[in-house]
């Protein structure tokens, strides 16, 4: 009466395994535990309490009801639209620093 998947250790479900966080796109980080960075959306597990956080998607199996999440549908939902890329953030920060210097180049008086 319900969906189920058979999973075992040697069924070769994964081609690669990584330690630490994995950046899979300009604005997406996959990780086991939550990672907070202002320039990316973090898709993670481990947080069994289901805590809601900005720019995070908790895919811990007991939190999402043991059903897979469709990444294409998630991306089409617009969840990444409010996140600035690391490139935009770097440019904006450099512009602010230049304005603080009065528009002068570094090293000029």
Protein backbone atom coordinates (compact mmCIF):
# COMPACT_ATOMS: atom_id res chain seq x y z
CA UNK A 1 0.00 0.00 0.00
CA UNK A 2 3.02 2.36 0.06
CA UNK A 3 6.14 3.11 -1.99
CA UNK A 4 9.45 1.60 -0.96
CA UNK A 5 12.99 1.27 -2.27
CA UNK A 6 15.46 -1.51 -1.65
CA UNK A 7 18.86 -0.13 -0.72
CA UNK A 8 21.91 -2.04 0.38
CA UNK A 9 25.57 -1.19 0.80
CA UNK A 10 26.96 -2.75 -2.37
CA UNK A 11 24.25 -2.02 -4.94
CA UNK A 12 26.36 0.69 -6.59
CA UNK A 13 23.74 3.44 -6.26
CA UNK A 14 26.47 6.09 -6.18
CA UNK A 15 29.27 6.58 -8.69
CA UNK A 16 31.14 8.99 -6.42
CA UNK A 17 31.23 9.83 -2.71
CA UNK A 18 32.62 13.11 -1.35
CA UNK A 19 33.81 14.29 2.05
CA UNK A 20 32.55 17.73 3.04
CA UNK A 21 30.23 20.06 1.17
CA UNK A 22 29.88 19.84 -2.61
CA UNK A 23 29.15 22.86 -4.80
CA UNK A 24 26.98 21.61 -7.68
CA UNK A 25 26.04 24.94 -9.20
CA UNK A 26 26.63 28.66 -8.94
CA UNK A 27 24.12 28.90 -6.09
CA UNK A 28 23.74 25.33 -4.74
CA UNK A 29 25.71 23.43 -2.10
CA UNK A 30 25.01 19.84 -1.09
CA UNK A 31 26.13 18.76 2.38
CA UNK A 32 25.43 16.21 5.06
CA UNK A 33 25.03 18.78 7.83
CA UNK A 34 23.70 22.34 7.40
CA UNK A 35 26.27 24.82 6.06
CA UNK A 36 25.56 28.56 6.12
CA UNK A 37 27.01 30.69 3.33
CA UNK A 38 25.33 33.87 2.07
CA UNK A 39 25.97 33.11 -1.62
CA UNK A 40 24.37 29.66 -1.93
CA UNK A 41 21.32 27.56 -1.14
CA UNK A 42 22.22 24.56 1.02
CA UNK A 43 20.49 21.22 0.42
CA UNK A 44 21.34 19.04 3.38
CA UNK A 45 20.27 16.26 5.69
CA UNK A 46 21.23 15.46 9.27
CA UNK A 47 18.92 18.01 10.92
CA UNK A 48 16.30 15.54 12.18
CA UNK A 49 14.50 18.28 14.15
CA UNK A 50 13.38 19.79 10.86
CA UNK A 51 14.45 23.30 11.82
CA UNK A 52 13.41 25.90 9.20
CA UNK A 53 16.27 28.08 7.97
CA UNK A 54 16.52 30.65 5.24
CA UNK A 55 18.31 29.38 2.11
CA UNK A 56 18.21 25.75 3.27
CA UNK A 57 16.33 22.66 2.19
CA UNK A 58 16.42 19.92 4.80
CA UNK A 59 16.09 16.59 2.98
CA UNK A 60 16.57 14.43 6.06
CA UNK A 61 14.43 11.37 5.30
CA UNK A 62 12.24 11.58 8.39
CA UNK A 63 11.64 15.31 7.80
CA UNK A 64 10.52 14.90 4.15
CA UNK A 65 8.36 11.84 4.77
CA UNK A 66 10.80 9.32 3.24
CA UNK A 67 10.05 10.51 -0.32
CA UNK A 68 12.68 11.76 -2.77
CA UNK A 69 12.77 15.43 -3.71
CA UNK A 70 12.72 16.27 -7.42
CA UNK A 71 15.62 18.70 -7.96
CA UNK A 72 14.17 20.06 -11.23
CA UNK A 73 10.87 20.94 -9.56
CA UNK A 74 12.74 22.51 -6.66
CA UNK A 75 14.81 24.69 -9.01
CA UNK A 76 11.73 25.70 -11.00
CA UNK A 77 10.03 26.82 -7.77
CA UNK A 78 12.29 29.89 -7.69
CA UNK A 79 13.96 29.12 -4.37
CA UNK A 80 17.32 30.36 -5.68
CA UNK A 81 16.05 33.66 -7.09
CA UNK A 82 16.75 35.71 -3.95
CA UNK A 83 20.32 34.51 -3.55
CA UNK A 84 23.11 36.67 -4.91
CA UNK A 85 26.00 34.78 -6.46
CA UNK A 86 29.43 34.96 -4.86
CA UNK A 87 30.52 36.99 -7.90
CA UNK A 88 27.79 39.62 -7.39
CA UNK A 89 28.58 39.79 -3.67
CA UNK A 90 32.30 40.26 -4.39
CA UNK A 91 31.63 43.06 -6.90
CA UNK A 92 29.21 44.81 -4.54
CA UNK A 93 31.69 44.63 -1.65
CA UNK A 94 34.50 46.00 -3.82
CA UNK A 95 32.25 48.87 -4.94
CA UNK A 96 31.41 49.74 -1.31
CA UNK A 97 35.10 49.71 -0.35
CA UNK A 98 35.93 52.03 -3.27
CA UNK A 99 33.16 54.42 -2.23
CA UNK A 100 34.56 54.51 1.32
CA UNK A 101 37.92 55.53 -0.16
CA UNK A 102 36.21 58.39 -2.02
CA UNK A 103 36.48 56.68 -5.39
CA UNK A 104 40.27 56.61 -5.31
CA UNK A 105 42.22 53.58 -6.44
CA UNK A 106 44.11 51.55 -3.85
CA UNK A 107 47.49 53.16 -3.12
CA UNK A 108 46.45 56.64 -4.38
CA UNK A 109 46.23 59.56 -1.96
